[in-house]
Amino acid sequence: MRPEVPAADPVSVQAACRALFAQLVASGVSHVAVSPGSRSTPLTVAADRTPGITVSVHLDERSAGFFAMGLARSSRQPVALVCTSGSAAANYLPAVVEAFHSGVPLIALTADRPPELQGRGAPQTIDQGGLYGTHVRWEHQADVIGTGTPEEVVRLAALAVERSLAPVPGPVHLNCPFREPLEAPVVDPPPVTMLSAPAATRQPDPKDVTTLRTLLLREKGLIVAGPMDLNARGTAAVSELATASGWPIIADPASGLRRGPHTSHAPVLACGNHLLAAGLADRHQPDVVLQLGGLPTSRAYRLWLERCGVEHVVAVDQAGRFPDPSFAVTDRIAGDPVELATALIPAAGQQNRTGWTDRWLDAEVAAAAAVASLVANAPFDEPGVVVALCQALPGGANLVVSNSMPIRDLDAFMPVDQRPLAVYANRGANGIDGQVSTALGIAAGSDAPTVLFTGDLALLHDLTGLVAGGRLGVDLTVVVVDNDGGGIFSFLPIAAEPDIDHGRLFHTPHGLDMGLAAPLAGATLDSVSNRVELDLALATSLGHPGIHLVHVRTSASTNVALHRATASAVAGSLGGVNQ
């Protein structure tokens, strides 16, 4: 005999969903990125009816996930995601992985079939428990929505936001089963008491502050700043610590420290990768390295740590990564680098400029001059694009840079400048997927002009993101350097092996005209081949509504040659520096 299948009470279901989103608002969530689906109908309708929630609609869950992550980073608030059951939820995984490794708070609300439909071949039904594995800070399998009280759902929503923020920020997953019917009646939800928002950022452990106070009294120290989404307060705190201690900052381009008014007095180094590769730190080895945030882009930094045994390498990271591929870290401090820097400034001893600092700054001046001269006299290629972007972007703009070669080009050729510039990069898992969608999210959370600097393969990986830009009403300029494949693989030693078909196996030319993506996305198109044309394209797109694609054809072999020539030029420039 066919068993009786329970049915949902749409009024109870909608009351629970409204209570869930009301609590999300009370906990600091103001945006929900929704992907259309049937099973998630009650969640979608409730989100759209909740005061204080902005709903954006995304056709592709993978793009939605990266959009939400970018928005969470620029708005500095958790962002919620809503999707239907089955493979739709699985498509959040790449963004969830990146958010986990970057410490970005996301709330993934995935609709699901009820228990009685699991394991019976029901459409769009998979095992969604543990779907994101170890890449979430917390996950919970909710009871069938509408079978409990709204107060229970309120507690779940409050806990989800709390766990996305502390003790380590990152994504959380709340799996929500729904029974049919899925209609969402227009009802006034019953009053439910909301819970308070999570506490502010935790202060650093006094024991950690005491440990570092002693180390800060040493003259020979380096601050190595990896990727961090620093605001103005964070930039000021870290740069002030460097100024007071006299310790130079080797600033990753995504650290937020290479640009801004603090560079007029703080010892910020843009050429850190070049100086480390040239052996400066071998000759002027520090006693202490204070490593802040994520792992720097610089390969030379990792190789130097492996080559030279520094007595103290202290990793400070609020995302729980403590990156240490060189097995050199001696001390790990869990906490916000900004709060720690703020607590340490009074103990820095006001050493200010020392002979140690001067040697590094003299080397920086020589190296920066060598880099600028080489790019100015080189064929127009990716280094020239970097310099043009750095000069054209107005103060306060956002620059989103994709992985693979663009972030390395930025690391090699982005100089120090007193105009502020927020640089974002997905350096958690370092993948090339979701770059356009991340940039759209960052642009949506900011009033400043936003530019994405990306490679051709990364753009191809996220064409759905590019197409979504017009639908979402977001303004974005996309500068794509197109070397017809994976240019970064031309740096590998295997590229010179005569018996390996490097072009087919690694460079993988696609043969596509990237400019054709512009009409598909309703974007304007500028195809440029020199600096003058690029400057004009940036001037006519920055700050203008809509999506703008700037297509720059480049050469992988030229870029490799310029990087190698730059390394040689920097090494030669250091001959006159007191070593």
Protein backbone atom coordinates (compact mmCIF):
# COMPACT_ATOMS: atom_id res chain seq x y z
CA MET A 1 0.00 0.00 0.00
CA ARG A 2 1.34 3.46 -0.90
CA PRO A 3 2.36 5.29 2.29
CA GLU A 4 0.85 8.66 3.03
CA VAL A 5 3.33 11.40 2.16
CA PRO A 6 3.31 14.41 4.51
CA ALA A 7 2.36 17.76 3.01
CA ALA A 8 3.63 21.21 3.94
CA ASP A 9 1.60 23.94 5.56
CA PRO A 10 2.51 26.92 3.35
CA VAL A 11 1.62 29.43 6.05
CA SER A 12 3.93 27.79 8.59
CA VAL A 13 6.68 27.42 5.99
CA GLN A 14 6.53 31.08 5.02
CA ALA A 15 6.43 32.20 8.65
CA ALA A 16 9.60 30.20 9.32
CA CYS A 17 11.36 31.58 6.23
CA ARG A 18 10.40 35.16 7.07
CA ALA A 19 11.72 34.66 10.61
CA LEU A 20 14.98 33.28 9.18
CA PHE A 21 15.62 36.32 6.98
CA ALA A 22 14.49 38.77 9.63
CA GLN A 23 17.14 37.34 11.94
CA LEU A 24 19.76 37.47 9.19
CA VAL A 25 19.03 41.19 8.89
CA ALA A 26 19.25 41.59 12.68
CA SER A 27 22.63 39.83 12.55
CA GLY A 28 24.06 42.15 9.90
CA VAL A 29 23.16 40.52 6.56
CA SER A 30 21.67 42.90 4.00
CA HIS A 31 22.08 41.07 0.67
CA VAL A 32 20.89 37.70 -0.62
CA ALA A 33 22.14 36.35 -3.96
CA VAL A 34 19.39 34.08 -5.31
CA SER A 35 19.51 31.58 -8.15
CA PRO A 36 16.08 30.58 -9.53
CA GLY A 37 14.68 27.17 -8.61
CA SER A 38 11.48 25.42 -7.59
CA ARG A 39 12.42 23.82 -4.27
CA SER A 40 13.87 27.10 -2.99
CA THR A 41 10.66 29.05 -3.76
CA PRO A 42 9.76 29.69 -0.09
CA LEU A 43 13.25 31.02 0.65
CA THR A 44 13.34 33.25 -2.43
CA VAL A 45 9.92 34.79 -1.80
CA ALA A 46 10.63 35.31 1.91
CA ALA A 47 13.95 37.03 1.18
CA ASP A 48 12.29 39.34 -1.31
CA ARG A 49 9.59 40.28 1.22
CA THR A 50 11.95 40.95 4.12
CA PRO A 51 12.66 44.63 4.86
CA GLY A 52 16.37 45.38 4.94
CA ILE A 53 17.26 42.68 2.36
CA THR A 54 18.42 43.42 -1.18
CA VAL A 55 17.93 40.46 -3.51
CA SER A 56 20.03 39.93 -6.64
CA VAL A 57 19.06 37.18 -9.08
CA HIS A 58 21.75 35.05 -10.75
CA LEU A 59 21.27 32.48 -13.50
CA ASP A 60 24.39 30.50 -12.59
CA GLU A 61 25.10 29.30 -9.05
CA ARG A 62 28.87 29.27 -9.53
CA SER A 63 28.78 32.91 -10.62
CA ALA A 64 26.39 33.73 -7.76
CA GLY A 65 28.80 32.28 -5.23
CA PHE A 66 31.73 34.38 -6.41
CA PHE A 67 29.53 37.49 -6.69
CA ALA A 68 28.47 37.02 -3.06
CA MET A 69 32.08 36.55 -2.00
CA GLY A 70 33.18 39.75 -3.75
CA LEU A 71 30.27 41.66 -2.25
CA ALA A 72 31.07 40.37 1.24
CA ARG A 73 34.65 41.58 0.86
CA SER A 74 33.86 45.10 -0.34
CA SER A 75 30.85 45.64 1.95
CA ARG A 76 32.54 43.94 4.92
CA GLN A 77 29.30 42.13 5.75
CA PRO A 78 28.25 38.47 5.45
CA VAL A 79 26.24 37.74 2.31
CA ALA A 80 23.66 34.97 1.96
CA LEU A 81 23.15 32.62 -0.97
CA VAL A 82 19.91 30.81 -1.89
CA CYS A 83 19.59 27.99 -4.41
CA THR A 84 17.48 24.95 -5.19
CA SER A 85 18.48 21.35 -4.56
CA GLY A 86 20.79 18.97 -6.44
CA SER A 87 23.70 20.03 -8.62
CA ALA A 88 22.68 23.68 -8.17
CA ALA A 89 24.01 23.52 -4.62
CA ALA A 90 27.15 21.70 -5.82
CA ASN A 91 27.99 24.65 -8.07
CA TYR A 92 28.64 26.81 -5.01
CA LEU A 93 31.67 24.68 -4.14
CA PRO A 94 34.40 26.69 -5.95
CA ALA A 95 33.30 29.93 -4.27
CA VAL A 96 32.90 28.20 -0.92
CA VAL A 97 36.45 26.84 -1.19
CA GLU A 98 37.85 30.29 -2.00
CA ALA A 99 35.83 31.93 0.77
CA PHE A 100 37.06 29.33 3.26
CA HIS A 101 40.71 29.90 2.42
CA SER A 102 40.30 33.69 2.21
CA GLY A 103 38.29 34.02 5.43
CA VAL A 104 35.19 35.54 3.78
CA PRO A 105 31.80 35.12 5.54
CA LEU A 106 29.12 33.53 3.34
CA ILE A 107 25.79 31.95 4.38
CA ALA A 108 24.85 29.19 1.91
CA LEU A 109 21.13 28.37 2.23
CA THR A 110 20.47 25.32 0.07
CA ALA A 111 16.95 23.98 -0.44
CA ASP A 112 16.56 20.22 -0.33
CA ARG A 113 14.04 17.42 -0.72
CA PRO A 114 12.52 16.11 2.53
CA PRO A 115 13.82 12.86 4.11
CA GLU A 116 11.08 10.66 2.59
CA LEU A 117 12.27 11.56 -0.93
CA GLN A 118 15.95 10.88 -0.32
CA GLY A 119 17.37 7.76 -2.02
CA ARG A 120 14.30 7.26 -4.23
CA GLY A 121 15.50 8.78 -7.48
CA ALA A 122 13.52 11.99 -7.03
CA PRO A 123 14.57 14.72 -9.48
CA GLN A 124 17.33 17.08 -8.38
CA THR A 125 17.95 15.06 -5.26
CA ILE A 126 21.46 14.31 -4.03
CA ASP A 127 22.99 13.84 -0.60
CA GLN A 128 23.57 17.48 0.42
CA GLY A 129 24.77 16.74 3.92
CA GLY A 130 28.47 17.53 4.07
CA LEU A 131 28.31 18.74 0.46
CA TYR A 132 31.17 21.22 0.98
CA GLY A 133 33.31 18.86 3.04
CA THR A 134 35.88 20.53 5.25
CA HIS A 135 35.54 23.87 3.48
CA VAL A 136 32.89 25.37 5.75
CA ARG A 137 33.25 26.75 9.28
CA TRP A 138 29.91 25.21 10.28
CA GLU A 139 27.12 23.24 8.68
CA HIS A 140 23.68 22.18 9.84
CA GLN A 141 21.00 19.89 8.50
CA ALA A 142 17.75 21.66 9.41
CA ASP A 143 14.52 19.87 10.15
CA VAL A 144 11.90 20.12 7.42
CA ILE A 145 11.11 23.82 7.28
CA GLY A 146 7.71 24.64 8.74
CA THR A 147 7.55 21.69 11.10
CA GLY A 148 9.16 23.55 13.98
CA THR A 149 8.67 26.97 15.48
CA PRO A 150 9.89 30.27 14.04
CA GLU A 151 11.94 30.74 17.23
CA GLU A 152 13.97 27.64 16.33
CA VAL A 153 14.70 29.03 12.88
CA VAL A 154 15.72 32.37 14.42
CA ARG A 155 18.31 30.62 16.57
CA LEU A 156 19.67 28.77 13.51
CA ALA A 157 19.99 31.99 11.51
CA ALA A 158 21.75 33.80 14.36
CA LEU A 159 24.13 30.88 14.84
CA ALA A 160 24.89 30.71 11.11
CA VAL A 161 26.00 34.35 11.01
CA GLU A 162 27.93 34.02 14.26
CA ARG A 163 29.84 31.00 12.97
CA SER A 164 30.58 32.76 9.68
CA LEU A 165 32.40 35.50 11.61
CA ALA A 166 34.05 33.83 14.60
CA PRO A 167 36.24 32.35 15.82
CA VAL A 168 37.52 32.25 12.21
CA PRO A 169 35.57 33.96 9.40
CA GLY A 170 34.41 31.90 6.45
CA PRO A 171 31.46 30.19 4.76
CA VAL A 172 28.73 28.24 6.56
CA HIS A 173 26.08 25.89 5.16
CA LEU A 174 22.46 25.56 6.27
CA ASN A 175 20.63 22.80 4.36
CA CYS A 176 16.87 23.38 4.34
CA PRO A 177 14.43 20.58 3.34
CA PHE A 178 11.00 21.61 2.03
CA ARG A 179 7.86 19.58 1.41
CA GLU A 180 5.31 20.40 -1.25
CA PRO A 181 3.26 22.45 -1.84
CA LEU A 182 5.89 25.14 -2.33
CA GLU A 183 3.50 28.04 -2.79
CA ALA A 184 4.34 31.13 -0.77
CA PRO A 185 1.15 32.83 0.46
CA VAL A 186 1.16 36.51 1.31
CA VAL A 187 1.01 36.48 5.09
CA ASP A 188 2.05 38.77 7.88
CA PRO A 189 4.52 36.74 9.93
CA PRO A 190 3.84 36.37 13.64
CA PRO A 191 6.04 38.52 15.88
CA VAL A 192 9.29 36.80 16.84
CA THR A 193 12.00 38.17 19.11
CA MET A 194 15.23 38.71 17.19
CA LEU A 195 18.60 37.87 18.71
CA SER A 196 21.43 40.38 19.00
CA ALA A 197 24.13 40.69 16.33
CA PRO A 198 27.50 38.96 16.85
CA ALA A 199 30.17 40.74 18.88
CA ALA A 200 32.78 42.96 17.25
CA THR A 201 36.30 41.82 16.33
CA ARG A 202 38.08 40.09 19.18
CA GLN A 203 41.04 41.82 20.72
CA PRO A 204 44.44 40.08 20.45
CA ASP A 205 45.56 37.70 23.15
CA PRO A 206 47.71 39.62 25.69
CA LYS A 207 50.23 36.75 25.64
CA ASP A 208 50.75 37.23 21.89
CA VAL A 209 51.21 40.97 22.34
CA THR A 210 53.80 40.36 25.08
CA THR A 211 55.72 37.92 22.88
CA LEU A 212 55.93 40.34 19.98
CA ARG A 213 56.81 43.34 22.13
CA THR A 214 60.15 41.74 22.93
CA LEU A 215 60.85 40.93 19.28
CA LEU A 216 59.95 44.45 18.15
CA LEU A 217 62.89 45.88 20.07
CA ARG A 218 65.26 44.20 17.63
CA GLU A 219 66.55 46.47 14.88
CA LYS A 220 66.68 43.91 12.09
CA GLY A 221 63.10 43.01 11.29
CA LEU A 222 60.93 42.72 8.18
CA ILE A 223 57.16 42.97 7.90
CA VAL A 224 55.91 40.79 5.06
CA ALA A 225 52.31 41.76 4.22
CA GLY A 226 50.37 39.20 2.24
CA PRO A 227 46.87 39.56 0.79
CA MET A 228 44.56 41.37 3.24
CA ASP A 229 41.41 43.37 2.61
CA LEU A 230 42.59 46.32 4.67
CA ASN A 231 40.44 49.39 5.13
CA ALA A 232 41.91 52.85 5.82
CA ARG A 233 42.22 52.10 9.54
CA GLY A 234 44.04 48.84 8.85
CA THR A 235 46.45 50.42 6.40
CA ALA A 236 47.22 53.17 8.89
CA ALA A 237 47.83 50.69 11.73
CA VAL A 238 50.24 48.43 9.86
CA SER A 239 52.12 51.31 8.25
CA GLU A 240 52.41 53.11 11.59
CA LEU A 241 53.83 49.97 13.17
CA ALA A 242 56.45 49.84 10.41
CA THR A 243 57.29 53.51 10.85
CA ALA A 244 57.65 53.24 14.62
CA SER A 245 59.70 50.04 14.55
CA GLY A 246 61.81 50.94 11.53
CA TRP A 247 60.97 47.58 9.99
CA PRO A 248 60.41 47.78 6.19
CA ILE A 249 57.22 46.33 4.73
CA ILE A 250 57.51 43.98 1.79
CA ALA A 251 54.02 44.68 0.46
CA ASP A 252 52.15 42.20 -1.70
CA PRO A 253 50.02 44.04 -4.28
CA ALA A 254 46.87 42.65 -2.61
CA SER A 255 47.99 43.69 0.87
CA GLY A 256 46.47 47.15 0.54
CA LEU A 257 49.79 48.72 1.55
CA ARG A 258 51.50 49.66 -1.73
CA ARG A 259 49.13 52.55 -2.32
CA GLY A 260 47.98 55.42 -0.14
CA PRO A 261 49.18 58.54 1.70
CA HIS A 262 51.05 56.42 4.25
CA THR A 263 53.67 55.62 1.60
CA SER A 264 55.03 59.16 1.95
CA HIS A 265 56.59 58.25 5.31
CA ALA A 266 56.24 54.51 5.97
CA PRO A 267 59.03 52.20 4.71
CA VAL A 268 56.93 50.38 2.09
CA LEU A 269 58.72 48.26 -0.52
CA ALA A 270 57.05 47.51 -3.86
CA CYS A 271 60.11 45.71 -5.25
CA GLY A 272 60.32 43.12 -2.49
CA ASN A 273 60.11 40.17 -4.88
CA HIS A 274 62.92 41.60 -7.03
CA LEU A 275 65.10 42.42 -4.01
CA LEU A 276 64.67 38.96 -2.50
CA ALA A 277 65.43 37.31 -5.84
CA ALA A 278 68.55 39.48 -6.16
CA GLY A 279 69.81 38.23 -2.80
CA LEU A 280 69.53 41.43 -0.78
CA ALA A 281 67.95 39.62 2.17
CA ASP A 282 70.69 36.99 2.05
CA ARG A 283 73.24 39.74 2.71
CA HIS A 284 71.03 41.71 5.12
CA GLN A 285 69.25 38.89 6.87
CA PRO A 286 66.65 39.91 9.48
CA ASP A 287 66.36 38.46 12.95
CA VAL A 288 62.56 38.56 12.78
CA VAL A 289 59.99 38.28 9.99
CA LEU A 290 56.46 39.35 10.88
CA GLN A 291 54.24 37.75 8.24
CA LEU A 292 50.73 39.23 8.09
CA GLY A 293 47.68 37.76 6.34
CA GLY A 294 47.77 35.34 3.43
CA LEU A 295 50.75 33.92 1.59
CA PRO A 296 52.45 36.60 -0.53
CA THR A 297 52.43 36.17 -4.30
CA SER A 298 56.22 36.41 -4.33
CA ARG A 299 57.90 33.12 -5.17
CA ALA A 300 61.23 34.69 -4.25
CA TYR A 301 60.00 35.13 -0.67
CA ARG A 302 59.25 31.43 -0.32
CA LEU A 303 62.58 30.43 -1.84
CA TRP A 304 64.42 32.86 0.43
CA LEU A 305 62.78 31.40 3.55
CA GLU A 306 63.86 27.95 2.42
CA ARG A 307 67.40 29.18 1.75
CA CYS A 308 68.01 31.27 4.87
CA GLY A 309 67.09 30.14 8.36
CA VAL A 310 65.51 33.18 10.02
CA GLU A 311 65.44 32.89 13.81
CA HIS A 312 61.85 34.09 14.21
CA VAL A 313 59.15 33.92 11.55
CA VAL A 314 55.84 34.96 13.15
CA ALA A 315 52.66 34.32 11.11
CA VAL A 316 49.63 36.42 12.09
CA ASP A 317 46.37 35.47 10.43
CA GLN A 318 42.71 35.82 11.35
CA ALA A 319 41.63 33.23 8.76
CA GLY A 320 43.55 30.40 10.42
CA ARG A 321 45.86 29.76 7.46
CA PHE A 322 49.30 30.61 8.87
CA PRO A 323 50.81 29.96 5.43
CA ASP A 324 54.09 28.11 5.71
CA PRO A 325 54.97 26.15 2.52
CA SER A 326 58.66 26.71 3.31
CA PHE A 327 58.37 25.13 6.80
CA ALA A 328 59.93 28.29 8.25
CA VAL A 329 57.22 29.67 10.57
CA THR A 330 58.27 29.51 14.22
CA ASP A 331 55.27 31.20 15.86
CA ARG A 332 51.58 31.33 14.91
CA ILE A 333 49.22 34.01 16.18
CA ALA A 334 45.50 33.66 15.49
CA GLY A 335 43.94 37.10 15.23
CA ASP A 336 43.30 40.18 13.18
CA PRO A 337 46.64 41.65 12.00
CA VAL A 338 45.16 45.14 12.29
CA GLU A 339 44.15 44.73 15.93
CA LEU A 340 47.54 43.21 16.72
CA ALA A 341 49.41 46.04 14.96
CA THR A 342 47.32 48.61 16.84
CA ALA A 343 48.19 46.98 20.16
CA LEU A 344 51.89 46.82 19.29
CA ILE A 345 52.45 50.41 18.12
CA PRO A 346 53.05 51.78 21.64
CA ALA A 347 55.65 49.06 22.23
CA ALA A 348 57.54 49.57 18.98
CA GLY A 349 60.05 51.83 20.71
CA GLN A 350 59.91 54.65 18.13
CA GLN A 351 63.11 53.38 16.52
CA ASN A 352 61.96 54.95 13.24
CA ARG A 353 64.62 55.09 10.53
CA THR A 354 67.70 53.04 11.28
CA GLY A 355 70.66 52.02 9.17
CA TRP A 356 68.84 48.74 8.61
CA THR A 357 65.82 50.57 7.21
CA ASP A 358 67.95 52.88 5.07
CA ARG A 359 69.70 50.00 3.31
CA TRP A 360 66.38 48.49 2.31
CA LEU A 361 64.93 51.81 1.19
CA ASP A 362 68.02 52.68 -0.85
CA ALA A 363 67.73 49.31 -2.58
CA GLU A 364 64.02 49.94 -3.20
CA VAL A 365 64.75 53.29 -4.87
CA ALA A 366 67.38 51.74 -7.14
CA ALA A 367 65.20 48.76 -8.03
CA ALA A 368 62.09 50.86 -8.68
CA ALA A 369 64.06 53.11 -11.04
CA ALA A 370 65.38 50.07 -12.93
CA VAL A 371 61.87 48.61 -13.26
CA ALA A 372 60.34 51.89 -14.44
CA SER A 373 63.10 52.45 -17.01
CA LEU A 374 62.79 48.95 -18.41
CA VAL A 375 59.00 49.13 -18.82
CA ALA A 376 59.17 52.61 -20.39
CA ASN A 377 61.56 51.34 -23.07
CA ALA A 378 60.05 47.89 -23.59
CA PRO A 379 57.53 46.70 -26.19
CA PHE A 380 53.94 47.27 -25.06
CA ASP A 381 52.88 44.10 -23.26
CA GLU A 382 51.54 43.03 -19.86
CA PRO A 383 54.04 45.12 -17.82
CA GLY A 384 52.93 48.19 -19.78
CA VAL A 385 49.29 47.37 -19.04
CA VAL A 386 50.08 47.24 -15.31
CA VAL A 387 51.80 50.63 -15.36
CA ALA A 388 48.95 52.16 -17.37
CA LEU A 389 46.36 50.85 -14.91
CA CYS A 390 48.30 52.08 -11.89
CA GLN A 391 48.59 55.56 -13.40
CA ALA A 392 45.04 55.81 -14.79
CA LEU A 393 42.98 54.59 -11.87
CA PRO A 394 41.74 57.47 -9.70
CA GLY A 395 42.39 57.56 -5.98
CA GLY A 396 39.99 55.32 -4.08
CA ALA A 397 39.24 53.04 -7.05
CA ASN A 398 39.00 49.24 -6.85
CA LEU A 399 41.36 47.03 -8.85
CA VAL A 400 40.45 43.35 -8.97
CA VAL A 401 43.24 41.19 -10.35
CA SER A 402 42.91 37.59 -11.48
CA ASN A 403 45.27 34.78 -10.64
CA SER A 404 47.86 33.17 -12.89
CA MET A 405 49.95 35.89 -14.64
CA PRO A 406 48.04 39.13 -13.88
CA ILE A 407 48.70 38.99 -10.12
CA ARG A 408 52.35 38.21 -10.80
CA ASP A 409 52.58 41.04 -13.33
CA LEU A 410 51.11 43.35 -10.70
CA ASP A 411 53.58 42.12 -8.09
CA ALA A 412 56.51 42.74 -10.43
CA PHE A 413 55.53 46.11 -11.90
CA MET A 414 53.12 47.94 -9.54
CA PRO A 415 55.00 50.82 -7.87
CA VAL A 416 54.36 52.60 -4.58
CA ASP A 417 52.01 55.57 -4.94
CA GLN A 418 50.38 58.00 -2.50
CA ARG A 419 46.94 57.71 -4.17
CA PRO A 420 44.85 55.05 -2.39
CA LEU A 421 43.84 51.99 -4.40
CA ALA A 422 41.96 48.95 -3.10
CA VAL A 423 43.43 45.81 -4.69
CA TYR A 424 41.47 42.56 -4.47
CA ALA A 425 42.63 39.09 -5.49
CA ASN A 426 41.27 35.60 -4.80
CA ARG A 427 44.47 34.35 -3.17
CA GLY A 428 42.86 31.77 -0.90
CA ALA A 429 42.84 28.82 -3.28
CA ASN A 430 44.50 30.83 -6.10
CA GLY A 431 42.13 29.55 -8.81
CA ILE A 432 41.26 31.38 -12.03
CA ASP A 433 37.52 30.68 -11.82
CA GLY A 434 34.92 33.25 -10.80
CA GLN A 435 37.08 36.32 -11.45
CA VAL A 436 34.47 38.40 -13.29
CA SER A 437 31.76 37.49 -10.77
CA THR A 438 34.04 38.42 -7.87
CA ALA A 439 34.71 41.79 -9.50
CA LEU A 440 30.97 42.35 -10.02
CA GLY A 441 30.37 41.66 -6.32
CA ILE A 442 33.13 44.06 -5.28
CA ALA A 443 31.73 46.74 -7.60
CA ALA A 444 28.20 46.18 -6.23
CA GLY A 445 29.43 46.78 -2.69
CA SER A 446 31.34 49.96 -3.47
CA ASP A 447 30.63 53.40 -4.90
CA ALA A 448 34.14 53.63 -6.38
CA PRO A 449 35.05 52.79 -10.01
CA THR A 450 36.05 49.14 -10.34
CA VAL A 451 38.39 47.54 -12.86
CA LEU A 452 39.11 43.85 -13.37
CA PHE A 453 42.58 43.02 -14.73
CA THR A 454 42.38 39.46 -16.05
CA GLY A 455 43.84 36.96 -18.47
CA ASP A 456 41.99 35.40 -21.36
CA LEU A 457 41.59 31.93 -19.82
CA ALA A 458 40.22 33.39 -16.59
CA LEU A 459 37.69 35.40 -18.60
CA LEU A 460 36.62 32.29 -20.49
CA HIS A 461 36.14 30.50 -17.17
CA ASP A 462 33.55 33.09 -16.12
CA LEU A 463 31.67 34.24 -19.21
CA THR A 464 28.40 33.75 -17.33
CA GLY A 465 29.65 36.35 -14.87
CA LEU A 466 30.37 38.78 -17.69
CA VAL A 467 26.88 38.24 -19.12
CA ALA A 468 25.34 38.79 -15.67
CA GLY A 469 26.84 42.27 -15.30
CA GLY A 470 24.21 44.01 -17.39
CA ARG A 471 21.32 42.17 -15.73
CA LEU A 472 22.62 43.14 -12.29
CA GLY A 473 23.06 46.79 -13.23
CA VAL A 474 26.70 46.82 -12.11
CA ASP A 475 29.35 49.10 -13.63
CA LEU A 476 32.66 47.37 -14.39
CA THR A 477 35.63 47.80 -16.72
CA VAL A 478 37.29 44.50 -17.67
CA VAL A 479 40.84 44.73 -19.03
CA VAL A 480 41.75 41.36 -20.54
CA VAL A 481 45.32 40.60 -21.61
CA ASP A 482 45.01 37.95 -24.27
CA ASN A 483 48.03 35.80 -25.11
CA ASP A 484 45.83 33.05 -26.55
CA GLY A 485 46.31 30.56 -23.74
CA GLY A 486 48.03 29.97 -20.44
CA GLY A 487 50.98 32.33 -20.57
CA ILE A 488 52.17 31.49 -17.07
CA PHE A 489 53.21 28.03 -18.23
CA SER A 490 55.80 29.63 -20.50
CA PHE A 491 57.80 30.33 -17.31
CA LEU A 492 58.10 26.61 -16.55
CA PRO A 493 61.40 24.86 -17.31
CA ILE A 494 59.46 22.31 -19.35
CA ALA A 495 58.72 25.06 -21.90
CA ALA A 496 62.30 24.68 -23.16
CA GLU A 497 62.17 20.88 -23.48
CA PRO A 498 62.46 20.02 -27.18
CA ASP A 499 60.65 16.68 -26.82
CA ILE A 500 57.56 18.14 -25.09
CA ASP A 501 54.72 19.73 -27.07
CA HIS A 502 54.48 22.63 -24.65
CA GLY A 503 52.05 24.65 -26.74
CA ARG A 504 49.47 21.88 -26.97
CA LEU A 505 49.81 20.44 -23.46
CA PHE A 506 50.36 23.58 -21.38
CA HIS A 507 49.86 26.86 -23.25
CA THR A 508 46.66 25.42 -24.79
CA PRO A 509 45.79 28.15 -27.32
CA HIS A 510 42.03 28.63 -27.66
CA GLY A 511 42.06 30.55 -30.95
CA LEU A 512 39.03 32.62 -29.94
CA ASP A 513 38.41 36.31 -30.55
CA MET A 514 37.87 37.51 -26.97
CA GLY A 515 36.33 40.72 -28.27
CA LEU A 516 33.24 38.74 -29.34
CA ALA A 517 32.36 38.39 -25.66
CA ALA A 518 31.44 42.08 -25.56
CA PRO A 519 28.26 41.97 -27.71
CA LEU A 520 27.21 38.75 -25.93
CA ALA A 521 27.33 40.62 -22.62
CA GLY A 522 25.97 43.91 -23.95
CA ALA A 523 29.34 45.51 -23.19
CA THR A 524 31.27 48.19 -25.00
CA LEU A 525 34.49 47.01 -26.66
CA ASP A 526 37.88 48.66 -27.08
CA SER A 527 40.60 46.65 -28.80
CA VAL A 528 43.94 48.29 -28.03
CA SER A 529 47.50 47.65 -29.13
CA ASN A 530 49.50 50.43 -27.47
CA ARG A 531 49.66 52.64 -24.39
CA VAL A 532 47.91 55.62 -25.99
CA GLU A 533 44.91 53.50 -27.01
CA LEU A 534 44.75 51.86 -23.58
CA ASP A 535 44.81 55.22 -21.81
CA LEU A 536 41.95 56.43 -24.02
CA ALA A 537 39.92 53.26 -23.42
CA LEU A 538 40.32 53.60 -19.66
CA ALA A 539 39.42 57.29 -19.73
CA THR A 540 36.20 56.60 -21.63
CA SER A 541 35.09 53.61 -19.52
CA LEU A 542 36.05 54.36 -15.91
CA GLY A 543 33.11 55.75 -14.01
CA HIS A 544 30.73 55.27 -16.94
CA PRO A 545 27.64 53.04 -16.57
CA GLY A 546 27.61 49.49 -17.84
CA ILE A 547 30.13 46.76 -18.64
CA HIS A 548 33.20 47.71 -20.67
CA LEU A 549 35.63 45.22 -22.21
CA VAL A 550 39.13 46.41 -23.05
CA HIS A 551 40.89 43.76 -25.13
CA VAL A 552 44.71 43.85 -25.21
CA ARG A 553 46.54 41.26 -27.30
CA THR A 554 49.85 40.28 -25.71
CA SER A 555 52.64 37.78 -26.21
CA ALA A 556 53.57 35.14 -23.66
CA SER A 557 57.16 34.98 -24.90
CA THR A 558 57.52 38.78 -24.68
CA ASN A 559 56.20 38.79 -21.13
CA VAL A 560 58.62 36.06 -20.08
CA ALA A 561 61.52 38.00 -21.61
CA LEU A 562 60.46 41.23 -19.85
CA HIS A 563 60.19 39.55 -16.45
CA ARG A 564 63.65 38.05 -16.86
CA ALA A 565 65.12 41.30 -18.14
CA THR A 566 63.62 43.09 -15.13
CA ALA A 567 65.26 40.67 -12.72
CA SER A 568 68.59 41.25 -14.40
CA ALA A 569 68.14 45.03 -14.41
CA VAL A 570 67.30 45.12 -10.72
CA ALA A 571 70.29 42.96 -9.83
CA GLY A 572 72.52 45.32 -11.79
CA SER A 573 71.02 48.40 -10.15
CA LEU A 574 71.99 47.24 -6.68
CA GLY A 575 75.70 47.56 -7.35
CA GLY A 576 75.72 51.15 -6.12
CA VAL A 577 73.70 50.41 -2.99
CA ASN A 578 75.52 50.01 0.32
CA GLN A 579 75.44 46.25 0.71
